[in-house]
Each structure stands twice: as structure tokens, then as C-alpha cells.
PDB file of all heavy atoms in Angstrom:
ATOM      1  N   HIS A   1      56.418  59.913  78.930  1.00  0.00           N
ATOM      2  CA  HIS A   1      55.654  59.171  79.935  1.00  0.00           C
ATOM      3  C   HIS A   1      55.488  57.708  79.551  1.00  0.00           C
ATOM      4  O   HIS A   1      55.231  56.863  80.415  1.00  0.00           O
ATOM      5  CB  HIS A   1      54.273  59.819  80.130  1.00  0.00           C
ATOM      6  CG  HIS A   1      53.907  59.990  81.568  1.00  0.00           C
ATOM      7  ND1 HIS A   1      54.575  60.839  82.423  1.00  0.00           N
ATOM      8  CD2 HIS A   1      52.939  59.401  82.317  1.00  0.00           C
ATOM      9  CE1 HIS A   1      54.037  60.776  83.624  1.00  0.00           C
ATOM     10  NE2 HIS A   1      53.051  59.906  83.588  1.00  0.00           N
ATOM     11  N   THR A   2      55.655  57.398  78.265  1.00  0.00           N
ATOM     12  CA  THR A   2      55.589  56.004  77.836  1.00  0.00           C
ATOM     13  C   THR A   2      56.711  55.190  78.463  1.00  0.00           C
ATOM     14  O   THR A   2      56.548  54.009  78.753  1.00  0.00           O
ATOM     15  CB  THR A   2      55.688  55.917  76.302  1.00  0.00           C
ATOM     16  OG1 THR A   2      54.912  56.942  75.715  1.00  0.00           O
ATOM     17  CG2 THR A   2      55.186  54.564  75.810  1.00  0.00           C
ATOM     18  N   PHE A   3      57.857  55.831  78.683  1.00  0.00           N
ATOM     19  CA  PHE A   3      58.976  55.156  79.356  1.00  0.00           C
ATOM     20  C   PHE A   3      58.634  54.898  80.830  1.00  0.00           C
ATOM     21  O   PHE A   3      58.987  53.854  81.374  1.00  0.00           O
ATOM     22  CB  PHE A   3      60.241  56.010  79.269  1.00  0.00           C
ATOM     23  CG  PHE A   3      60.843  56.089  77.896  1.00  0.00           C
ATOM     24  CD1 PHE A   3      60.393  57.032  76.989  1.00  0.00           C
ATOM     25  CD2 PHE A   3      61.861  55.229  77.520  1.00  0.00           C
ATOM     26  CE1 PHE A   3      60.950  57.118  75.722  1.00  0.00           C
ATOM     27  CE2 PHE A   3      62.430  55.302  76.259  1.00  0.00           C
ATOM     28  CZ  PHE A   3      61.963  56.255  75.353  1.00  0.00           C
ATOM     29  N   ARG A   4      57.959  55.852  81.464  1.00  0.00           N
ATOM     30  CA  ARG A   4      57.558  55.690  82.865  1.00  0.00           C
ATOM     31  C   ARG A   4      56.625  54.490  83.017  1.00  0.00           C
ATOM     32  O   ARG A   4      56.804  53.655  83.892  1.00  0.00           O
ATOM     33  CB  ARG A   4      56.871  56.964  83.342  1.00  0.00           C
ATOM     34  CG  ARG A   4      56.329  56.916  84.780  1.00  0.00           C
ATOM     35  CD  ARG A   4      55.803  58.290  85.156  1.00  0.00           C
ATOM     36  NE  ARG A   4      55.067  58.292  86.408  1.00  0.00           N
ATOM     37  CZ  ARG A   4      55.626  58.381  87.623  1.00  0.00           C
ATOM     38  NH1 ARG A   4      56.941  58.453  87.726  1.00  0.00           N
ATOM     39  NH2 ARG A   4      54.884  58.397  88.704  1.00  0.00           N
ATOM     40  N   HIS A   5      55.640  54.403  82.131  1.00  0.00           N
ATOM     41  CA  HIS A   5      54.738  53.258  82.170  1.00  0.00           C
ATOM     42  C   HIS A   5      55.491  51.955  81.917  1.00  0.00           C
ATOM     43  O   HIS A   5      55.262  50.937  82.582  1.00  0.00           O
ATOM     44  CB  HIS A   5      53.631  53.417  81.115  1.00  0.00           C
ATOM     45  CG  HIS A   5      52.702  54.558  81.367  1.00  0.00           C
ATOM     46  ND1 HIS A   5      52.305  54.944  82.625  1.00  0.00           N
ATOM     47  CD2 HIS A   5      52.071  55.404  80.506  1.00  0.00           C
ATOM     48  CE1 HIS A   5      51.478  55.974  82.539  1.00  0.00           C
ATOM     49  NE2 HIS A   5      51.323  56.273  81.269  1.00  0.00           N
ATOM     50  N   GLY A   6      56.404  51.983  80.946  1.00  0.00           N
ATOM     51  CA  GLY A   6      57.166  50.782  80.624  1.00  0.00           C
ATOM     52  C   GLY A   6      58.051  50.341  81.769  1.00  0.00           C
ATOM     53  O   GLY A   6      58.209  49.141  82.014  1.00  0.00           O
ATOM     54  N   HIS A   7      58.633  51.299  82.476  1.00  0.00           N
ATOM     55  CA  HIS A   7      59.465  50.986  83.641  1.00  0.00           C
ATOM     56  C   HIS A   7      58.658  50.232  84.684  1.00  0.00           C
ATOM     57  O   HIS A   7      59.108  49.206  85.220  1.00  0.00           O
ATOM     58  CB  HIS A   7      60.013  52.289  84.226  1.00  0.00           C
ATOM     59  CG  HIS A   7      60.770  52.129  85.508  1.00  0.00           C
ATOM     60  ND1 HIS A   7      62.057  51.641  85.562  1.00  0.00           N
ATOM     61  CD2 HIS A   7      60.410  52.393  86.801  1.00  0.00           C
ATOM     62  CE1 HIS A   7      62.470  51.617  86.822  1.00  0.00           C
ATOM     63  NE2 HIS A   7      61.494  52.070  87.594  1.00  0.00           N
ATOM     64  N   ALA A   8      57.457  50.725  84.966  1.00  0.00           N
ATOM     65  CA  ALA A   8      56.613  50.092  85.981  1.00  0.00           C
ATOM     66  C   ALA A   8      56.192  48.685  85.563  1.00  0.00           C
ATOM     67  O   ALA A   8      56.263  47.738  86.356  1.00  0.00           O
ATOM     68  CB  ALA A   8      55.367  50.952  86.235  1.00  0.00           C
ATOM     69  N   VAL A   9      55.775  48.536  84.310  1.00  0.00           N
ATOM     70  CA  VAL A   9      55.358  47.220  83.818  1.00  0.00           C
ATOM     71  C   VAL A   9      56.529  46.255  83.839  1.00  0.00           C
ATOM     72  O   VAL A   9      56.392  45.082  84.214  1.00  0.00           O
ATOM     73  CB  VAL A   9      54.765  47.339  82.400  1.00  0.00           C
ATOM     74  CG1 VAL A   9      54.526  45.951  81.801  1.00  0.00           C
ATOM     75  CG2 VAL A   9      53.462  48.134  82.424  1.00  0.00           C
ATOM     76  N   HIS A  10      57.708  46.734  83.439  1.00  0.00           N
ATOM     77  CA  HIS A  10      58.904  45.885  83.421  1.00  0.00           C
ATOM     78  C   HIS A  10      59.232  45.376  84.824  1.00  0.00           C
ATOM     79  O   HIS A  10      59.571  44.187  85.001  1.00  0.00           O
ATOM     80  CB  HIS A  10      60.082  46.683  82.857  1.00  0.00           C
ATOM     81  CG  HIS A  10      61.361  45.919  82.753  1.00  0.00           C
ATOM     82  ND1 HIS A  10      61.549  44.908  81.838  1.00  0.00           N
ATOM     83  CD2 HIS A  10      62.515  46.001  83.469  1.00  0.00           C
ATOM     84  CE1 HIS A  10      62.766  44.406  81.974  1.00  0.00           C
ATOM     85  NE2 HIS A  10      63.374  45.045  82.964  1.00  0.00           N
ATOM     86  N   LEU A  11      59.122  46.231  85.832  1.00  0.00           N
ATOM     87  CA  LEU A  11      59.384  45.810  87.208  1.00  0.00           C
ATOM     88  C   LEU A  11      58.402  44.738  87.648  1.00  0.00           C
ATOM     89  O   LEU A  11      58.791  43.722  88.247  1.00  0.00           O
ATOM     90  CB  LEU A  11      59.295  47.014  88.149  1.00  0.00           C
ATOM     91  CG  LEU A  11      60.390  48.088  88.026  1.00  0.00           C
ATOM     92  CD1 LEU A  11      60.132  49.206  89.021  1.00  0.00           C
ATOM     93  CD2 LEU A  11      61.774  47.498  88.235  1.00  0.00           C
ATOM     94  N   ILE A  12      57.131  44.955  87.363  1.00  0.00           N
ATOM     95  CA  ILE A  12      56.106  43.988  87.781  1.00  0.00           C
ATOM     96  C   ILE A  12      56.287  42.662  87.056  1.00  0.00           C
ATOM     97  O   ILE A  12      56.158  41.583  87.651  1.00  0.00           O
ATOM     98  CB  ILE A  12      54.699  44.569  87.539  1.00  0.00           C
ATOM     99  CG1 ILE A  12      54.456  45.734  88.506  1.00  0.00           C
ATOM    100  CG2 ILE A  12      53.624  43.497  87.710  1.00  0.00           C
ATOM    101  CD1 ILE A  12      53.176  46.488  88.266  1.00  0.00           C
ATOM    102  N   GLU A  13      56.610  42.723  85.767  1.00  0.00           N
ATOM    103  CA  GLU A  13      56.849  41.495  85.005  1.00  0.00           C
ATOM    104  C   GLU A  13      58.022  40.698  85.572  1.00  0.00           C
ATOM    105  O   GLU A  13      58.061  39.474  85.446  1.00  0.00           O
ATOM    106  CB  GLU A  13      57.125  41.833  83.534  1.00  0.00           C
ATOM    107  CG  GLU A  13      55.899  42.223  82.748  1.00  0.00           C
ATOM    108  CD  GLU A  13      56.226  42.549  81.306  1.00  0.00           C
ATOM    109  OE1 GLU A  13      57.374  42.956  81.033  1.00  0.00           O
ATOM    110  OE2 GLU A  13      55.332  42.399  80.452  1.00  0.00           O
ATOM    111  N   ASN A  14      58.944  41.392  86.210  1.00  0.00           N
ATOM    112  CA  ASN A  14      60.120  40.734  86.770  1.00  0.00           C
ATOM    113  C   ASN A  14      59.981  40.454  88.259  1.00  0.00           C
ATOM    114  O   ASN A  14      60.976  40.191  88.950  1.00  0.00           O
ATOM    115  CB  ASN A  14      61.365  41.578  86.496  1.00  0.00           C
ATOM    116  CG  ASN A  14      61.844  41.455  85.063  1.00  0.00           C
ATOM    117  OD1 ASN A  14      62.594  40.552  84.713  1.00  0.00           O
ATOM    118  ND2 ASN A  14      61.388  42.362  84.211  1.00  0.00           N
ATOM    119  N   GLY A  15      58.747  40.494  88.758  1.00  0.00           N
ATOM    120  CA  GLY A  15      58.460  40.035  90.108  1.00  0.00           C
ATOM    121  C   GLY A  15      58.723  41.021  91.221  1.00  0.00           C
ATOM    122  O   GLY A  15      58.740  40.625  92.398  1.00  0.00           O
ATOM    123  N   VAL A  16      58.909  42.298  90.911  1.00  0.00           N
ATOM    124  CA  VAL A  16      59.119  43.291  91.962  1.00  0.00           C
ATOM    125  C   VAL A  16      57.803  43.541  92.693  1.00  0.00           C
ATOM    126  O   VAL A  16      56.758  43.679  92.070  1.00  0.00           O
ATOM    127  CB  VAL A  16      59.664  44.611  91.373  1.00  0.00           C
ATOM    128  CG1 VAL A  16      59.807  45.675  92.460  1.00  0.00           C
ATOM    129  CG2 VAL A  16      60.993  44.353  90.687  1.00  0.00           C
ATOM    130  N   ASP A  17      57.858  43.580  94.019  1.00  0.00           N
ATOM    131  CA  ASP A  17      56.670  43.805  94.831  1.00  0.00           C
ATOM    132  C   ASP A  17      56.013  45.128  94.448  1.00  0.00           C
ATOM    133  O   ASP A  17      56.689  46.134  94.233  1.00  0.00           O
ATOM    134  CB  ASP A  17      57.056  43.823  96.314  1.00  0.00           C
ATOM    135  CG  ASP A  17      55.858  44.069  97.217  1.00  0.00           C
ATOM    136  OD1 ASP A  17      55.076  43.138  97.422  1.00  0.00           O
ATOM    137  OD2 ASP A  17      55.727  45.217  97.701  1.00  0.00           O
ATOM    138  N   ILE A  18      54.698  45.134  94.382  1.00  0.00           N
ATOM    139  CA  ILE A  18      53.983  46.318  93.891  1.00  0.00           C
ATOM    140  C   ILE A  18      54.181  47.525  94.795  1.00  0.00           C
ATOM    141  O   ILE A  18      54.174  48.671  94.337  1.00  0.00           O
ATOM    142  CB  ILE A  18      52.487  46.010  93.700  1.00  0.00           C
ATOM    143  CG1 ILE A  18      51.813  47.170  92.948  1.00  0.00           C
ATOM    144  CG2 ILE A  18      51.795  45.768  95.033  1.00  0.00           C
ATOM    145  CD1 ILE A  18      50.430  46.854  92.461  1.00  0.00           C
ATOM    146  N   ASP A  19      54.388  47.301  96.097  1.00  0.00           N
ATOM    147  CA  ASP A  19      54.614  48.450  96.978  1.00  0.00           C
ATOM    148  C   ASP A  19      55.975  49.076  96.693  1.00  0.00           C
ATOM    149  O   ASP A  19      56.135  50.295  96.822  1.00  0.00           O
ATOM    150  CB  ASP A  19      54.524  48.040  98.444  1.00  0.00           C
ATOM    151  CG  ASP A  19      54.477  49.244  99.371  1.00  0.00           C
ATOM    152  OD1 ASP A  19      53.578  50.098  99.194  1.00  0.00           O
ATOM    153  OD2 ASP A  19      55.335  49.345 100.260  1.00  0.00           O
ATOM    154  N   LYS A  20      56.948  48.262  96.304  1.00  0.00           N
ATOM    155  CA  LYS A  20      58.251  48.810  95.914  1.00  0.00           C
ATOM    156  C   LYS A  20      58.123  49.606  94.621  1.00  0.00           C
ATOM    157  O   LYS A  20      58.777  50.643  94.452  1.00  0.00           O
ATOM    158  CB  LYS A  20      59.269  47.682  95.756  1.00  0.00           C
ATOM    159  CG  LYS A  20      59.669  47.016  97.070  1.00  0.00           C
ATOM    160  CD  LYS A  20      60.736  45.958  96.840  1.00  0.00           C
ATOM    161  CE  LYS A  20      61.158  45.309  98.162  1.00  0.00           C
ATOM    162  NZ  LYS A  20      62.184  44.255  97.952  1.00  0.00           N
ATOM    163  N   VAL A  21      57.274  49.117  93.716  1.00  0.00           N
ATOM    164  CA  VAL A  21      57.024  49.848  92.473  1.00  0.00           C
ATOM    165  C   VAL A  21      56.357  51.187  92.793  1.00  0.00           C
ATOM    166  O   VAL A  21      56.684  52.219  92.210  1.00  0.00           O
ATOM    167  CB  VAL A  21      56.149  49.022  91.509  1.00  0.00           C
ATOM    168  CG1 VAL A  21      55.850  49.813  90.238  1.00  0.00           C
ATOM    169  CG2 VAL A  21      56.824  47.696  91.166  1.00  0.00           C
ATOM    170  N   ARG A  22      55.422  51.165  93.733  1.00  0.00           N
ATOM    171  CA  ARG A  22      54.741  52.405  94.156  1.00  0.00           C
ATOM    172  C   ARG A  22      55.752  53.438  94.642  1.00  0.00           C
ATOM    173  O   ARG A  22      55.708  54.603  94.236  1.00  0.00           O
ATOM    174  CB  ARG A  22      53.728  52.098  95.258  1.00  0.00           C
ATOM    175  CG  ARG A  22      53.004  53.342  95.807  1.00  0.00           C
ATOM    176  CD  ARG A  22      52.200  53.028  97.049  1.00  0.00           C
ATOM    177  NE  ARG A  22      53.053  52.666  98.181  1.00  0.00           N
ATOM    178  CZ  ARG A  22      53.692  53.560  98.933  1.00  0.00           C
ATOM    179  NH1 ARG A  22      53.597  54.854  98.679  1.00  0.00           N
ATOM    180  NH2 ARG A  22      54.450  53.151  99.946  1.00  0.00           N
ATOM    181  N   ARG A  23      56.669  53.000  95.495  1.00  0.00           N
ATOM    182  CA  ARG A  23      57.661  53.929  96.027  1.00  0.00           C
ATOM    183  C   ARG A  23      58.618  54.405  94.925  1.00  0.00           C
ATOM    184  O   ARG A  23      59.062  55.550  94.923  1.00  0.00           O
ATOM    185  CB  ARG A  23      58.450  53.268  97.164  1.00  0.00           C
ATOM    186  CG  ARG A  23      57.593  52.958  98.395  1.00  0.00           C
ATOM    187  CD  ARG A  23      58.462  52.675  99.602  1.00  0.00           C
ATOM    188  NE  ARG A  23      59.321  51.511  99.435  1.00  0.00           N
ATOM    189  CZ  ARG A  23      58.959  50.268  99.743  1.00  0.00           C
ATOM    190  NH1 ARG A  23      57.748  50.030 100.253  1.00  0.00           N
ATOM    191  NH2 ARG A  23      59.795  49.260  99.566  1.00  0.00           N
ATOM    192  N   GLN A  24      58.931  53.510  94.001  1.00  0.00           N
ATOM    193  CA  GLN A  24      59.818  53.868  92.892  1.00  0.00           C
ATOM    194  C   GLN A  24      59.209  54.991  92.047  1.00  0.00           C
ATOM    195  O   GLN A  24      59.903  55.916  91.620  1.00  0.00           O
ATOM    196  CB  GLN A  24      60.067  52.629  92.021  1.00  0.00           C
ATOM    197  CG  GLN A  24      61.082  52.818  90.918  1.00  0.00           C
ATOM    198  CD  GLN A  24      62.515  52.531  91.356  1.00  0.00           C
ATOM    199  OE1 GLN A  24      62.820  52.462  92.534  1.00  0.00           O
ATOM    200  NE2 GLN A  24      63.400  52.376  90.391  1.00  0.00           N
ATOM    201  N   LEU A  25      57.913  54.899  91.817  1.00  0.00           N
ATOM    202  CA  LEU A  25      57.231  55.885  90.985  1.00  0.00           C
ATOM    203  C   LEU A  25      56.836  57.129  91.765  1.00  0.00           C
ATOM    204  O   LEU A  25      56.529  58.172  91.175  1.00  0.00           O
ATOM    205  CB  LEU A  25      55.977  55.265  90.356  1.00  0.00           C
ATOM    206  CG  LEU A  25      56.215  54.099  89.396  1.00  0.00           C
ATOM    207  CD1 LEU A  25      54.884  53.546  88.911  1.00  0.00           C
ATOM    208  CD2 LEU A  25      57.072  54.528  88.219  1.00  0.00           C
ATOM    209  N   GLY A  26      56.823  57.022  93.092  1.00  0.00           N
ATOM    210  CA  GLY A  26      56.430  58.158  93.909  1.00  0.00           C
ATOM    211  C   GLY A  26      54.934  58.297  94.075  1.00  0.00           C
ATOM    212  O   GLY A  26      54.437  59.391  94.368  1.00  0.00           O
ATOM    213  N   HIS A  27      54.199  57.197  93.886  1.00  0.00           N
ATOM    214  CA  HIS A  27      52.755  57.240  94.079  1.00  0.00           C
ATOM    215  C   HIS A  27      52.411  57.327  95.559  1.00  0.00           C
ATOM    216  O   HIS A  27      53.038  56.675  96.388  1.00  0.00           O
ATOM    217  CB  HIS A  27      52.091  55.984  93.495  1.00  0.00           C
ATOM    218  CG  HIS A  27      52.076  55.959  92.004  1.00  0.00           C
ATOM    219  ND1 HIS A  27      51.898  54.812  91.277  1.00  0.00           N
ATOM    220  CD2 HIS A  27      52.207  56.964  91.093  1.00  0.00           C
ATOM    221  CE1 HIS A  27      51.922  55.089  89.990  1.00  0.00           C
ATOM    222  NE2 HIS A  27      52.113  56.384  89.851  1.00  0.00           N
ATOM    223  N   ARG A  28      51.411  58.114  95.886  1.00  0.00           N
ATOM    224  CA  ARG A  28      50.951  58.204  97.264  1.00  0.00           C
ATOM    225  C   ARG A  28      50.078  56.995  97.602  1.00  0.00           C
ATOM    226  O   ARG A  28      50.139  56.460  98.704  1.00  0.00           O
ATOM    227  CB  ARG A  28      50.140  59.492  97.464  1.00  0.00           C
ATOM    228  CG  ARG A  28      49.757  59.763  98.897  1.00  0.00           C
ATOM    229  CD  ARG A  28      48.894  61.006  99.042  1.00  0.00           C
ATOM    230  NE  ARG A  28      49.133  61.985  97.980  1.00  0.00           N
ATOM    231  CZ  ARG A  28      48.461  63.128  97.878  1.00  0.00           C
ATOM    232  NH1 ARG A  28      47.527  63.432  98.743  1.00  0.00           N
ATOM    233  NH2 ARG A  28      48.721  63.961  96.890  1.00  0.00           N
ATOM    234  N   SER A  29      49.257  56.574  96.656  1.00  0.00           N
ATOM    235  CA  SER A  29      48.306  55.490  96.893  1.00  0.00           C
ATOM    236  C   SER A  29      48.665  54.264  96.063  1.00  0.00           C
ATOM    237  O   SER A  29      49.087  54.378  94.897  1.00  0.00           O
ATOM    238  CB  SER A  29      46.885  55.954  96.555  1.00  0.00           C
ATOM    239  OG  SER A  29      45.987  54.873  96.548  1.00  0.00           O
ATOM    240  N   ILE A  30      48.498  53.096  96.634  1.00  0.00           N
ATOM    241  CA  ILE A  30      48.769  51.845  95.921  1.00  0.00           C
ATOM    242  C   ILE A  30      47.804  51.663  94.753  1.00  0.00           C
ATOM    243  O   ILE A  30      48.124  50.992  93.767  1.00  0.00           O
ATOM    244  CB  ILE A  30      48.687  50.634  96.896  1.00  0.00           C
ATOM    245  CG1 ILE A  30      49.337  49.394  96.251  1.00  0.00           C
ATOM    246  CG2 ILE A  30      47.254  50.357  97.292  1.00  0.00           C
ATOM    247  CD1 ILE A  30      50.810  49.460  96.111  1.00  0.00           C
ATOM    248  N   GLU A  31      46.618  52.291  94.854  1.00  0.00           N
ATOM    249  CA  GLU A  31      45.636  52.181  93.778  1.00  0.00           C
ATOM    250  C   GLU A  31      46.189  52.766  92.476  1.00  0.00           C
ATOM    251  O   GLU A  31      45.864  52.294  91.384  1.00  0.00           O
ATOM    252  CB  GLU A  31      44.336  52.894  94.147  1.00  0.00           C
ATOM    253  CG  GLU A  31      43.435  52.128  95.106  1.00  0.00           C
ATOM    254  CD  GLU A  31      43.957  52.133  96.543  1.00  0.00           C
ATOM    255  OE1 GLU A  31      44.778  53.036  96.868  1.00  0.00           O
ATOM    256  OE2 GLU A  31      43.556  51.253  97.324  1.00  0.00           O
ATOM    257  N   SER A  32      47.011  53.811  92.590  1.00  0.00           N
ATOM    258  CA  SER A  32      47.599  54.415  91.387  1.00  0.00           C
ATOM    259  C   SER A  32      48.553  53.457  90.694  1.00  0.00           C
ATOM    260  O   SER A  32      48.715  53.493  89.475  1.00  0.00           O
ATOM    261  CB  SER A  32      48.350  55.699  91.759  1.00  0.00           C
ATOM    262  OG  SER A  32      47.486  56.644  92.340  1.00  0.00           O
ATOM    263  N   THR A  33      49.185  52.579  91.475  1.00  0.00           N
ATOM    264  CA  THR A  33      50.155  51.635  90.922  1.00  0.00           C
ATOM    265  C   THR A  33      49.470  50.368  90.410  1.00  0.00           C
ATOM    266  O   THR A  33      50.015  49.683  89.539  1.00  0.00           O
ATOM    267  CB  THR A  33      51.194  51.258  91.995  1.00  0.00           C
ATOM    268  OG1 THR A  33      51.571  52.430  92.713  1.00  0.00           O
ATOM    269  CG2 THR A  33      52.436  50.652  91.377  1.00  0.00           C
ATOM    270  N   GLN A  34      48.301  50.072  90.925  1.00  0.00           N
ATOM    271  CA  GLN A  34      47.585  48.855  90.541  1.00  0.00           C
ATOM    272  C   GLN A  34      47.270  48.804  89.056  1.00  0.00           C
ATOM    273  O   GLN A  34      47.090  47.735  88.488  1.00  0.00           O
ATOM    274  CB  GLN A  34      46.277  48.740  91.339  1.00  0.00           C
ATOM    275  CG  GLN A  34      46.446  48.400  92.810  1.00  0.00           C
ATOM    276  CD  GLN A  34      46.734  46.921  93.041  1.00  0.00           C
ATOM    277  OE1 GLN A  34      46.794  46.140  92.099  1.00  0.00           O
ATOM    278  NE2 GLN A  34      46.922  46.544  94.293  1.00  0.00           N
ATOM    279  N   ILE A  35      47.201  49.964  88.406  1.00  0.00           N
ATOM    280  CA  ILE A  35      46.855  49.975  86.982  1.00  0.00           C
ATOM    281  C   ILE A  35      47.868  49.211  86.145  1.00  0.00           C
ATOM    282  O   ILE A  35      47.550  48.750  85.048  1.00  0.00           O
ATOM    283  CB  ILE A  35      46.721  51.411  86.444  1.00  0.00           C
ATOM    284  CG1 ILE A  35      48.072  52.142  86.541  1.00  0.00           C
ATOM    285  CG2 ILE A  35      45.636  52.179  87.178  1.00  0.00           C
ATOM    286  CD1 ILE A  35      48.072  53.497  85.855  1.00  0.00           C
ATOM    287  N   TYR A  36      49.088  49.059  86.661  1.00  0.00           N
ATOM    288  CA  TYR A  36      50.121  48.381  85.896  1.00  0.00           C
ATOM    289  C   TYR A  36      50.035  46.862  86.004  1.00  0.00           C
ATOM    290  O   TYR A  36      50.584  46.154  85.177  1.00  0.00           O
ATOM    291  CB  TYR A  36      51.506  48.841  86.357  1.00  0.00           C
ATOM    292  CG  TYR A  36      51.746  50.308  86.138  1.00  0.00           C
ATOM    293  CD1 TYR A  36      51.809  51.185  87.213  1.00  0.00           C
ATOM    294  CD2 TYR A  36      51.885  50.816  84.851  1.00  0.00           C
ATOM    295  CE1 TYR A  36      52.026  52.543  87.011  1.00  0.00           C
ATOM    296  CE2 TYR A  36      52.096  52.169  84.636  1.00  0.00           C
ATOM    297  CZ  TYR A  36      52.158  53.026  85.722  1.00  0.00           C
ATOM    298  OH  TYR A  36      52.360  54.366  85.516  1.00  0.00           O
ATOM    299  N   VAL A  37      49.346  46.363  87.012  1.00  0.00           N
ATOM    300  CA  VAL A  37      49.284  44.917  87.241  1.00  0.00           C
ATOM    301  C   VAL A  37      48.588  44.215  86.088  1.00  0.00           C
ATOM    302  O   VAL A  37      49.043  43.198  85.587  1.00  0.00           O
ATOM    303  CB  VAL A  37      48.578  44.604  88.567  1.00  0.00           C
ATOM    304  CG1 VAL A  37      48.408  43.101  88.739  1.00  0.00           C
ATOM    305  CG2 VAL A  37      49.367  45.186  89.733  1.00  0.00           C
ATOM    306  N   GLY A  38      47.482  44.775  85.617  1.00  0.00           N
ATOM    307  CA  GLY A  38      46.739  44.131  84.543  1.00  0.00           C
ATOM    308  C   GLY A  38      47.236  44.470  83.159  1.00  0.00           C
ATOM    309  O   GLY A  38      46.691  44.009  82.171  1.00  0.00           O
ATOM    310  N   SER A  39      48.294  45.276  83.079  1.00  0.00           N
ATOM    311  CA  SER A  39      48.794  45.724  81.774  1.00  0.00           C
ATOM    312  C   SER A  39      49.895  44.833  81.225  1.00  0.00           C
ATOM    313  O   SER A  39      50.241  44.965  80.068  1.00  0.00           O
ATOM    314  CB  SER A  39      49.316  47.160  81.883  1.00  0.00           C
ATOM    315  OG  SER A  39      48.271  48.034  82.244  1.00  0.00           O
ATOM    316  N   THR A  40      50.478  43.976  82.072  1.00  0.00           N
ATOM    317  CA  THR A  40      51.587  43.141  81.596  1.00  0.00           C
ATOM    318  C   THR A  40      51.063  42.114  80.613  1.00  0.00           C
ATOM    319  O   THR A  40      50.072  41.444  80.844  1.00  0.00           O
ATOM    320  CB  THR A  40      52.268  42.424  82.764  1.00  0.00           C
ATOM    321  OG1 THR A  40      51.306  41.650  83.478  1.00  0.00           O
ATOM    322  CG2 THR A  40      52.904  43.435  83.698  1.00  0.00           C
ATOM    323  N   ASP A  41      51.737  42.002  79.494  1.00  0.00           N
ATOM    324  CA  ASP A  41      51.292  41.103  78.436  1.00  0.00           C
ATOM    325  C   ASP A  41      52.522  40.653  77.647  1.00  0.00           C
ATOM    326  O   ASP A  41      53.023  41.380  76.808  1.00  0.00           O
ATOM    327  CB  ASP A  41      50.290  41.814  77.517  1.00  0.00           C
ATOM    328  CG  ASP A  41      49.728  40.879  76.457  1.00  0.00           C
ATOM    329  OD1 ASP A  41      50.196  39.724  76.351  1.00  0.00           O
ATOM    330  OD2 ASP A  41      48.811  41.303  75.727  1.00  0.00           O
ATOM    331  N   PRO A  42      53.040  39.446  77.931  1.00  0.00           N
ATOM    332  CA  PRO A  42      54.260  38.974  77.268  1.00  0.00           C
ATOM    333  C   PRO A  42      54.165  38.936  75.759  1.00  0.00           C
ATOM    334  O   PRO A  42      55.190  38.941  75.074  1.00  0.00           O
ATOM    335  CB  PRO A  42      54.438  37.560  77.844  1.00  0.00           C
ATOM    336  CG  PRO A  42      53.652  37.560  79.125  1.00  0.00           C
ATOM    337  CD  PRO A  42      52.491  38.479  78.884  1.00  0.00           C
ATOM    338  N   ALA A  43      52.947  38.880  75.196  1.00  0.00           N
ATOM    339  CA  ALA A  43      52.800  38.762  73.758  1.00  0.00           C
ATOM    340  C   ALA A  43      52.958  40.104  73.049  1.00  0.00           C
ATOM    341  O   ALA A  43      53.039  40.160  71.826  1.00  0.00           O
ATOM    342  CB  ALA A  43      51.408  38.192  73.416  1.00  0.00           C
TER     343      ALA A  43
END
């Protein structure tokens, strides 16, 4: 599951729209995908 989280963060870091990320992961609600927005950290 660490790869799943990394996939989502990687997409967001590269500017992919969050709704596209939601569909990629198969989330029903956008709220489930929002957790990845604040997790990106280039450092």
C-alpha cells in the first residue's frame, strides 16, 4: 500500500488534477483523495 500512496502523491506533485487522481485510485469521494494533497513534500 506504500506504493499506492506514493503513486497518488507522485501524480499530484506532477500537476495531475485531483479528480483524475481520484478516478485513478478508484475513490468514490474526493475527500478520500484530498489526504494526498497535504502530503507532498519535495524535501
